[in-house]
Protein backbone atom coordinates (compact mmCIF):
# COMPACT_ATOMS: atom_id res chain seq x y z
CA UNK A 1 -38.98 52.25 -92.75
CA UNK A 2 -37.69 54.72 -90.97
CA UNK A 3 -39.91 53.65 -88.16
CA UNK A 4 -39.52 49.94 -88.06
CA UNK A 5 -35.68 50.63 -87.53
CA UNK A 6 -35.81 52.77 -84.77
CA UNK A 7 -38.52 49.86 -83.03
CA UNK A 8 -35.61 47.11 -84.11
CA UNK A 9 -33.06 49.53 -82.56
CA UNK A 10 -34.48 50.42 -79.49
CA UNK A 11 -35.55 46.41 -79.04
CA UNK A 12 -31.76 45.35 -79.53
CA UNK A 13 -30.96 47.93 -76.86
CA UNK A 14 -33.57 46.37 -74.56
CA UNK A 15 -32.28 43.05 -75.23
CA UNK A 16 -29.16 43.87 -74.34
CA UNK A 17 -29.26 45.59 -71.16
CA UNK A 18 -31.80 42.71 -70.07
CA UNK A 19 -28.90 40.46 -70.74
CA UNK A 20 -26.07 42.62 -68.78
CA UNK A 21 -28.69 42.85 -66.08
CA UNK A 22 -30.25 39.40 -65.62
CA UNK A 23 -27.81 37.01 -66.73
CA UNK A 24 -27.16 34.13 -64.43
CA UNK A 25 -23.71 34.10 -62.70
CA UNK A 26 -21.68 31.31 -63.97
CA UNK A 27 -20.92 28.93 -60.88
CA UNK A 28 -17.07 28.88 -60.70
CA UNK A 29 -17.39 25.35 -59.19
CA UNK A 30 -18.40 24.12 -63.32
CA UNK A 31 -15.08 24.74 -64.92
CA UNK A 32 -12.09 22.60 -64.26
CA UNK A 33 -8.74 24.77 -62.81
CA UNK A 34 -6.34 25.37 -65.19
CA UNK A 35 -3.43 22.60 -64.50
CA UNK A 36 -0.07 23.70 -62.88
CA UNK A 37 2.35 24.26 -65.46
CA UNK A 38 6.06 22.85 -65.37
CA UNK A 39 8.67 25.38 -65.04
CA UNK A 40 6.29 27.95 -63.90
CA UNK A 41 4.35 26.74 -60.75
CA UNK A 42 5.69 25.69 -57.73
CA UNK A 43 6.62 21.98 -57.65
CA UNK A 44 5.97 20.53 -54.62
CA UNK A 45 9.00 19.48 -52.95
CA UNK A 46 9.68 23.28 -53.08
CA UNK A 47 6.50 24.34 -51.36
CA UNK A 48 8.46 24.39 -47.91
CA UNK A 49 10.89 26.49 -49.03
CA UNK A 50 8.58 29.26 -50.47
CA UNK A 51 6.85 29.48 -47.27
CA UNK A 52 9.96 30.24 -45.65
CA UNK A 53 10.28 32.75 -48.15
CA UNK A 54 7.06 34.45 -47.39
CA UNK A 55 7.84 33.89 -44.01
CA UNK A 56 11.11 36.02 -43.83
CA UNK A 57 9.61 38.73 -46.10
CA UNK A 58 6.76 38.96 -43.88
CA UNK A 59 9.14 39.27 -40.82
CA UNK A 60 11.18 41.87 -42.07
CA UNK A 61 8.29 44.12 -42.64
CA UNK A 62 7.28 43.52 -38.99
CA UNK A 63 10.49 44.11 -37.71
CA UNK A 64 10.22 47.10 -35.02
CA UNK A 65 13.63 48.51 -36.45
CA UNK A 66 12.20 48.56 -40.03
CA UNK A 67 12.70 52.23 -40.95
CA UNK A 68 9.38 51.80 -43.50
CA UNK A 69 7.50 51.10 -40.46
CA UNK A 70 4.42 53.54 -40.30
CA UNK A 71 5.29 56.41 -37.99
CA UNK A 72 1.59 56.26 -36.28
CA UNK A 73 2.02 52.64 -35.75
CA UNK A 74 5.64 52.93 -34.23
CA UNK A 75 4.34 55.72 -31.77
CA UNK A 76 1.52 53.39 -30.54
CA UNK A 77 4.09 49.96 -30.33
CA UNK A 78 6.60 52.15 -28.11
CA UNK A 79 3.92 53.17 -25.69
CA UNK A 80 3.25 49.19 -25.01
CA UNK A 81 7.03 48.35 -25.84
CA UNK A 82 6.08 45.40 -28.13
CA UNK A 83 6.49 44.39 -31.67
CA UNK A 84 4.25 44.12 -34.45
CA UNK A 85 2.34 40.70 -34.62
CA UNK A 86 2.53 39.25 -38.13
CA UNK A 87 -0.61 39.41 -40.57
CA UNK A 88 -1.83 35.77 -41.77
CA UNK A 89 -4.03 32.96 -41.68
CA UNK A 90 -4.36 32.83 -37.50
CA UNK A 91 -5.39 36.37 -38.26
CA UNK A 92 -8.54 35.14 -39.09
CA UNK A 93 -9.19 32.45 -36.43
CA UNK A 94 -12.32 32.92 -34.69
CA UNK A 95 -11.98 30.25 -31.65
CA UNK A 96 -11.06 32.73 -29.25
CA UNK A 97 -13.87 35.55 -30.28
CA UNK A 98 -16.43 34.27 -27.73
CA UNK A 99 -13.75 35.44 -25.01
CA UNK A 100 -13.20 38.67 -26.18
CA UNK A 101 -13.92 40.13 -22.91
CA UNK A 102 -11.60 38.39 -21.30
CA UNK A 103 -8.58 38.85 -23.41
CA UNK A 104 -9.40 42.58 -23.67
CA UNK A 105 -9.25 43.08 -20.22
CA UNK A 106 -6.00 40.91 -19.73
CA UNK A 107 -4.34 42.99 -22.61
CA UNK A 108 -5.12 46.44 -20.97
CA UNK A 109 -3.83 44.88 -17.43
CA UNK A 110 -7.29 44.63 -15.76
CA UNK A 111 -8.72 42.13 -13.58
CA UNK A 112 -12.20 40.86 -13.27
CA UNK A 113 -14.35 40.33 -10.17
CA UNK A 114 -14.38 36.57 -8.93
CA UNK A 115 -17.41 35.81 -7.59
CA UNK A 116 -19.18 32.28 -6.68
CA UNK A 117 -22.77 31.61 -6.77
CA UNK A 118 -24.56 28.84 -4.94
CA UNK A 119 -21.08 27.64 -4.18
CA UNK A 120 -20.90 25.38 -7.75
CA UNK A 121 -20.02 27.89 -10.08
CA UNK A 122 -17.15 30.31 -10.26
CA UNK A 123 -17.91 33.55 -12.12
CA UNK A 124 -15.34 36.17 -13.52
CA UNK A 125 -16.91 39.40 -14.14
CA UNK A 126 -15.69 42.05 -16.86
CA UNK A 127 -13.89 44.54 -14.38
CA UNK A 128 -15.27 48.05 -14.23
CA UNK A 129 -14.17 51.22 -12.89
CA UNK A 130 -11.11 53.64 -13.64
CA UNK A 131 -7.65 52.83 -12.34
CA UNK A 132 -5.27 55.54 -12.93
CA UNK A 133 -1.49 55.83 -12.45
CA UNK A 134 -0.50 59.30 -11.65
CA UNK A 135 2.67 61.07 -12.63
CA UNK A 136 4.35 60.37 -9.31
CA UNK A 137 3.83 56.74 -9.71
CA UNK A 138 1.08 56.26 -7.49
CA UNK A 139 -2.39 54.56 -8.16
CA UNK A 140 -5.65 55.61 -7.78
CA UNK A 141 -9.15 54.34 -8.41
CA UNK A 142 -12.73 54.86 -8.83
CA UNK A 143 -16.17 53.23 -9.21
CA UNK A 144 -17.06 54.60 -12.24
CA UNK A 145 -17.90 53.87 -14.95
CA UNK A 146 -20.12 50.94 -14.03
CA UNK A 147 -20.60 49.41 -17.34
CA UNK A 148 -16.78 49.92 -18.61
CA UNK A 149 -13.10 49.97 -17.55
CA UNK A 150 -10.69 52.52 -18.03
CA UNK A 151 -7.18 52.59 -17.58
CA UNK A 152 -5.12 56.17 -17.75
CA UNK A 153 -1.38 56.47 -17.46
CA UNK A 154 -0.75 60.56 -16.43
CA UNK A 155 3.04 59.87 -16.99
CA UNK A 156 2.26 59.52 -20.82
CA UNK A 157 -0.77 60.74 -21.07
CA UNK A 158 -2.21 57.78 -22.34
CA UNK A 159 -6.14 56.56 -22.01
CA UNK A 160 -7.44 52.79 -22.61
CA UNK A 161 -10.98 52.69 -22.18
CA UNK A 162 -13.12 49.64 -22.89
CA UNK A 163 -17.34 49.93 -22.64
CA UNK A 164 -18.85 46.64 -22.32
CA UNK A 165 -22.57 47.76 -22.71
CA UNK A 166 -22.82 50.27 -25.48
CA UNK A 167 -26.56 51.18 -26.01
CA UNK A 168 -27.48 49.53 -22.72
CA UNK A 169 -26.69 45.93 -24.23
CA UNK A 170 -26.33 42.94 -21.48
CA UNK A 171 -23.35 41.06 -21.18
CA UNK A 172 -23.67 36.91 -20.97
CA UNK A 173 -21.50 34.27 -18.94
CA UNK A 174 -19.57 31.62 -21.28
CA UNK A 175 -18.17 28.48 -19.93
CA UNK A 176 -14.73 28.98 -19.37
CA UNK A 177 -13.47 25.88 -18.11
CA UNK A 178 -13.35 24.83 -14.07
CA UNK A 179 -11.04 26.46 -11.47
CA UNK A 180 -9.75 24.86 -8.19
CA UNK A 181 -11.27 25.62 -5.05
CA UNK A 182 -8.83 25.36 -2.37
CA UNK A 183 -11.39 25.50 0.59
CA UNK A 184 -13.67 22.56 -0.84
CA UNK A 185 -10.72 21.08 -2.73
CA UNK A 186 -13.13 20.75 -5.53
CA UNK A 187 -13.09 22.01 -9.37
CA UNK A 188 -15.93 24.45 -9.97
CA UNK A 189 -16.98 25.09 -13.26
CA UNK A 190 -15.79 28.80 -14.36
CA UNK A 191 -17.73 31.09 -16.42
CA UNK A 192 -16.64 34.46 -18.23
CA UNK A 193 -18.45 37.42 -18.27
CA UNK A 194 -18.81 38.41 -22.07
CA UNK A 195 -20.05 41.58 -23.88
CA UNK A 196 -22.92 41.70 -26.47
CA UNK A 197 -21.93 45.21 -27.79
CA UNK A 198 -18.94 46.49 -26.75
CA UNK A 199 -15.91 48.99 -28.12
CA UNK A 200 -12.47 49.59 -27.16
CA UNK A 201 -9.97 52.67 -27.43
CA UNK A 202 -6.66 53.80 -27.07
CA UNK A 203 -6.08 57.47 -26.91
CA UNK A 204 -2.67 59.17 -26.58
CA UNK A 205 -2.20 63.35 -25.87
CA UNK A 206 -6.25 63.48 -26.88
CA UNK A 207 -5.48 61.55 -30.14
CA UNK A 208 -7.47 58.28 -30.76
CA UNK A 209 -4.49 55.68 -31.90
CA UNK A 210 -6.46 52.62 -31.73
CA UNK A 211 -9.82 50.90 -31.86
CA UNK A 212 -12.28 48.26 -31.49
CA UNK A 213 -15.87 47.34 -31.96
CA UNK A 214 -17.17 43.69 -30.85
CA UNK A 215 -20.93 42.91 -31.25
CA UNK A 216 -22.83 39.37 -30.79
CA UNK A 217 -25.89 38.01 -30.94
CA UNK A 218 -25.57 35.04 -28.08
CA UNK A 219 -28.91 32.87 -29.35
CA UNK A 220 -30.41 30.36 -27.31
CA UNK A 221 -27.29 27.79 -26.83
CA UNK A 222 -24.10 30.10 -26.82
CA UNK A 223 -22.40 27.30 -24.57
CA UNK A 224 -22.73 24.71 -26.42
CA UNK A 225 -23.25 25.01 -30.21
CA UNK A 226 -21.53 28.87 -30.15
CA UNK A 227 -23.31 32.40 -30.94
CA UNK A 228 -25.53 32.85 -33.81
CA UNK A 229 -23.67 35.50 -35.04
CA UNK A 230 -20.70 37.69 -34.56
CA UNK A 231 -18.54 40.70 -35.45
CA UNK A 232 -15.45 42.10 -35.04
CA UNK A 233 -13.40 44.92 -36.46
CA UNK A 234 -10.12 47.03 -35.25
CA UNK A 235 -7.39 49.06 -36.29
CA UNK A 236 -4.43 50.44 -35.10
CA UNK A 237 -2.03 53.75 -35.88
CA UNK A 238 -4.97 55.75 -37.14
CA UNK A 239 -8.63 55.26 -38.18
CA UNK A 240 -8.36 56.34 -41.93
CA UNK A 241 -6.18 54.45 -43.84
CA UNK A 242 -4.81 52.72 -41.03
CA UNK A 243 -1.60 50.65 -41.19
CA UNK A 244 -2.83 47.50 -39.23
CA UNK A 245 -6.71 46.54 -39.44
CA UNK A 246 -8.87 43.30 -39.06
CA UNK A 247 -12.69 42.29 -39.59
CA UNK A 248 -14.15 39.22 -38.71
CA UNK A 249 -18.05 38.08 -39.22
CA UNK A 250 -19.84 34.93 -38.32
CA UNK A 251 -23.61 34.03 -38.59
CA UNK A 252 -25.24 30.68 -38.15
CA UNK A 253 -28.66 31.09 -40.31
CA UNK A 254 -31.41 28.50 -40.81
CA UNK A 255 -29.58 27.69 -44.30
CA UNK A 256 -25.95 29.03 -43.78
CA UNK A 257 -23.02 28.82 -41.62
CA UNK A 258 -20.99 32.35 -42.63
CA UNK A 259 -17.75 33.26 -41.84
CA UNK A 260 -15.62 35.85 -43.54
CA UNK A 261 -12.71 37.81 -42.49
CA UNK A 262 -9.78 40.24 -43.50
CA UNK A 263 -6.31 41.76 -42.03
CA UNK A 264 -3.86 43.94 -43.13
CA UNK A 265 -0.44 45.61 -42.22
CA UNK A 266 0.87 48.24 -44.11
CA UNK A 267 4.29 49.85 -44.04
CA UNK A 268 5.32 53.21 -45.45
CA UNK A 269 5.90 51.32 -48.76
CA UNK A 270 4.56 47.57 -48.65
CA UNK A 271 1.34 46.11 -47.45
CA UNK A 272 0.56 42.38 -46.34
CA UNK A 273 -3.20 41.41 -46.84
CA UNK A 274 -5.31 38.30 -45.99
CA UNK A 275 -9.01 37.30 -46.54
CA UNK A 276 -11.24 34.48 -46.45
CA UNK A 277 -14.86 33.97 -46.92
CA UNK A 278 -16.61 30.13 -45.88
CA UNK A 279 -20.18 29.95 -47.02
CA UNK A 280 -21.43 26.68 -46.01
CA UNK A 281 -25.32 25.59 -47.05
CA UNK A 282 -27.32 23.14 -45.68
CA UNK A 283 -29.92 22.25 -43.01
CA UNK A 284 -29.90 22.50 -39.58
CA UNK A 285 -32.02 20.54 -37.01
CA UNK A 286 -32.01 20.74 -33.12
CA UNK A 287 -28.96 23.07 -33.16
CA UNK A 288 -29.36 23.69 -29.54
CA UNK A 289 -30.52 19.97 -28.45
CA UNK A 290 -28.63 16.74 -28.23
CA UNK A 291 -30.19 15.67 -31.54
CA UNK A 292 -27.96 18.44 -33.23
CA UNK A 293 -27.30 17.48 -36.76
CA UNK A 294 -25.96 19.79 -39.81
CA UNK A 295 -26.39 18.46 -43.32
CA UNK A 296 -24.16 20.66 -45.95
CA UNK A 297 -25.31 20.56 -49.74
CA UNK A 298 -22.81 22.74 -50.63
CA UNK A 299 -19.51 24.92 -49.73
CA UNK A 300 -17.54 27.72 -50.97
CA UNK A 301 -14.01 28.70 -49.43
CA UNK A 302 -11.75 31.24 -50.66
CA UNK A 303 -9.04 32.70 -49.17
CA UNK A 304 -5.71 34.95 -50.20
CA UNK A 305 -2.80 35.96 -48.38
CA UNK A 306 -0.57 38.64 -50.29
CA UNK A 307 2.62 39.27 -48.73
CA UNK A 308 5.09 41.27 -51.71
CA UNK A 309 6.34 39.20 -54.08
CA UNK A 310 4.16 35.76 -52.44
CA UNK A 311 0.68 35.67 -53.27
CA UNK A 312 -1.56 32.57 -52.29
CA UNK A 313 -4.95 31.83 -53.11
CA UNK A 314 -7.13 28.94 -52.38
CA UNK A 315 -10.92 28.31 -53.77
CA UNK A 316 -12.43 25.20 -52.78
CA UNK A 317 -16.12 24.71 -54.19
CA UNK A 318 -18.01 21.30 -52.95
CA UNK A 319 -21.56 20.84 -55.11
CA UNK A 320 -24.69 18.68 -54.83
CA UNK A 321 -23.31 16.83 -51.47
CA UNK A 322 -25.07 13.75 -50.02
CA UNK A 323 -24.93 11.41 -47.36
CA UNK A 324 -23.08 13.91 -45.29
CA UNK A 325 -24.43 14.50 -42.05
CA UNK A 326 -22.62 16.38 -39.27
CA UNK A 327 -23.84 15.17 -35.76
CA UNK A 328 -23.06 12.71 -32.84
CA UNK A 329 -24.35 9.88 -34.39
CA UNK A 330 -23.64 10.41 -38.00
CA UNK A 331 -20.01 10.85 -37.12
CA UNK A 332 -19.52 8.08 -34.81
CA UNK A 333 -20.57 5.47 -37.41
CA UNK A 334 -18.23 3.14 -38.78
CA UNK A 335 -16.59 4.51 -42.21
CA UNK A 336 -19.12 7.68 -42.02
CA UNK A 337 -17.69 9.38 -45.23
CA UNK A 338 -17.86 6.17 -47.28
CA UNK A 339 -21.32 7.16 -49.01
CA UNK A 340 -20.23 10.68 -49.56
CA UNK A 341 -21.50 11.91 -52.67
CA UNK A 342 -21.27 15.46 -54.80
CA UNK A 343 -17.99 17.17 -56.39
CA UNK A 344 -14.94 19.07 -55.68
CA UNK A 345 -13.03 21.87 -57.28
CA UNK A 346 -10.39 22.80 -56.08
CA UNK A 347 -7.16 24.83 -56.36
CA UNK A 348 -4.30 26.22 -54.60
CA UNK A 349 -2.24 29.12 -56.38
CA UNK A 350 0.82 30.86 -56.04
CA UNK A 351 1.84 34.22 -57.99
CA UNK A 352 -1.25 33.58 -60.35
CA UNK A 353 -0.01 30.05 -61.31
CA UNK A 354 -1.28 26.58 -59.82
CA UNK A 355 0.37 25.14 -57.46
CA UNK A 356 -2.25 21.96 -56.73
CA UNK A 357 -5.73 21.41 -58.10
CA UNK A 358 -8.37 18.91 -57.64
CA UNK A 359 -11.72 18.18 -59.30
CA UNK A 360 -14.21 15.50 -59.69
CA UNK A 361 -16.71 13.10 -58.01
CA UNK A 362 -16.46 12.42 -54.30
CA UNK A 363 -18.09 9.20 -54.68
CA UNK A 364 -16.23 6.22 -54.70
CA UNK A 365 -15.57 4.68 -57.94
CA UNK A 366 -15.43 1.46 -59.95
CA UNK A 367 -12.73 -0.11 -58.00
CA UNK A 368 -12.80 -2.51 -54.72
CA UNK A 369 -11.52 -0.74 -52.09
CA UNK A 370 -14.81 0.89 -51.21
CA UNK A 371 -13.21 4.30 -50.74
CA UNK A 372 -14.77 7.78 -51.84
CA UNK A 373 -12.52 10.27 -53.46
CA UNK A 374 -10.72 7.98 -56.08
CA UNK A 375 -12.52 9.74 -58.71
CA UNK A 376 -11.11 12.98 -57.81
CA UNK A 377 -8.52 14.27 -60.24
CA UNK A 378 -5.33 15.63 -58.47
CA UNK A 379 -2.76 17.52 -60.69
CA UNK A 380 0.59 19.32 -59.17
CA UNK A 381 4.20 19.52 -60.41
CA UNK A 382 7.17 17.30 -58.88
CA UNK A 383 10.32 17.00 -60.33
CA UNK A 384 9.84 18.72 -63.43
CA UNK A 385 6.79 16.70 -64.36
CA UNK A 386 3.28 17.25 -64.20
CA UNK A 387 1.91 14.42 -62.04
CA UNK A 388 -2.08 13.41 -62.45
CA UNK A 389 -3.66 11.23 -59.81
CA UNK A 390 -6.54 10.18 -57.58
CA UNK A 391 -6.59 10.91 -53.60
CA UNK A 392 -4.82 7.75 -52.41
CA UNK A 393 -1.59 8.24 -54.98
CA UNK A 394 -1.19 11.68 -54.49
CA UNK A 395 -1.64 12.06 -50.46
CA UNK A 396 1.88 11.02 -50.00
CA UNK A 397 3.34 13.70 -51.96
CA UNK A 398 0.75 16.62 -50.74
CA UNK A 399 2.45 16.02 -47.18
CA UNK A 400 4.42 18.63 -48.41
CA UNK A 401 1.43 20.92 -48.60
CA UNK A 402 0.16 20.03 -45.14
CA UNK A 403 3.35 19.04 -43.25
CA UNK A 404 6.13 21.20 -44.67
CA UNK A 405 9.38 20.36 -43.01
CA UNK A 406 10.84 23.25 -40.75
C-alpha cells in the first residue's frame, strides 16, 4: 500500500513538472481584448489633451534647469552646452542608423575626407587622426590613429574618440544622395563610408561619461534592401545605472524581420522608459534582386511609453495573413489589399485601461462594397458612450488618435 502511494505521489509530481515546463504558451492573439470602460477609459475626443499632458510632463523632466536632473548627466551636458533630448517613440527610429558614421562625426565636429572616383561618384570617407585644441586655443593635428578619430580639448580635459574598425572590421559605402560638381556642372552620386563595427566614447578628466557601440552585417544588398542585421547601444552620464540609455536591434532572416528597441531617461526622482518590438514572419524571395517580394503570414507589434502618470501600451497581433505580398508588382496592382485575409487583435491602453480595441477577420464581409476590414470590430468611448463599429464607421472618430490637433 505504501509502495503504491509512493508511486502515485511520484507520478503526480512528474506530471505536474511536465505540465509546468512543457505547456504550450497561449497566443495573445486568440483572446479578444477587454473593451474600454465608460468613465475609466480616455475618450477619443480627449486623446489630444492627454498627449499634451504627457508631453508637458516630459518637458519638465528634461528641462536643463530641473533641480532633479541627474548630476552626472548635467555635467556632461554642460560641456556641450546642450539640453536633454526627450525620450519617446522617435528615439526608436532606425531610419538614420545606416548613416551612423556620418552623424556621429558631425556630432563631434569632425569632417571626413571627400574623394572622387572615376569622375562618377563622390565618396565621403570617415575622418581619421587626432585634432587637439590646446590650452592657449591653438589647434594641432595628427594623422594617427588611422582607423579612428579623436578630438581633444585640453582646456576642459575633454576627449571624444571614435574607433571605426574595431577588431579590424571593414567599412562599407552607403549611397547618400547626390553632390553637385561645380566643375562639371553635374550631380554626381554620393556615398558615405560607414563602419560595420565601431565604438565611441566621451571622457572627462579620465572618467568615461558616455559610450556608444555599433555593429552591422551589411549583407549583399545594403544599398537597396538595407543591412542584414544591425545593433546600436549607447549610454550617457555613467555606464552603471545610466540616466540615459538606448538599445536598438534589427535583423532580416530567411523567415523573419525583427526590430526591437528600448530607451530610458531618468532624473534623480523619476524615470521615462520606452520600448518596442516588431516581429514579422513570412517568406522572402530575391531580396537583393529586381523581383524582390516579401509575403508575411503573421506579425506581432508591442510597445510601451511610460512617462510618470502617463503609461501608454500598444499591442497589435496579425495572424493567418493571406493574399498579401510586398513587391513592386503586387503593390502597384489596383486594389492591392482587397483580397487580404487573416485576423487582427489590437489594443491601445492608457494607464492600464483600454482606449481603442480592434478584433476580427480582415477579409471582406458579406456587404457589397468589396472592401476588407468591415468584419473587424472596433471599440472605444466617445462622449460618455461605448462605441462599437467597423473600420469605415470608426475611421472618422479615430482621426483624433492618428492626427491629434496641436
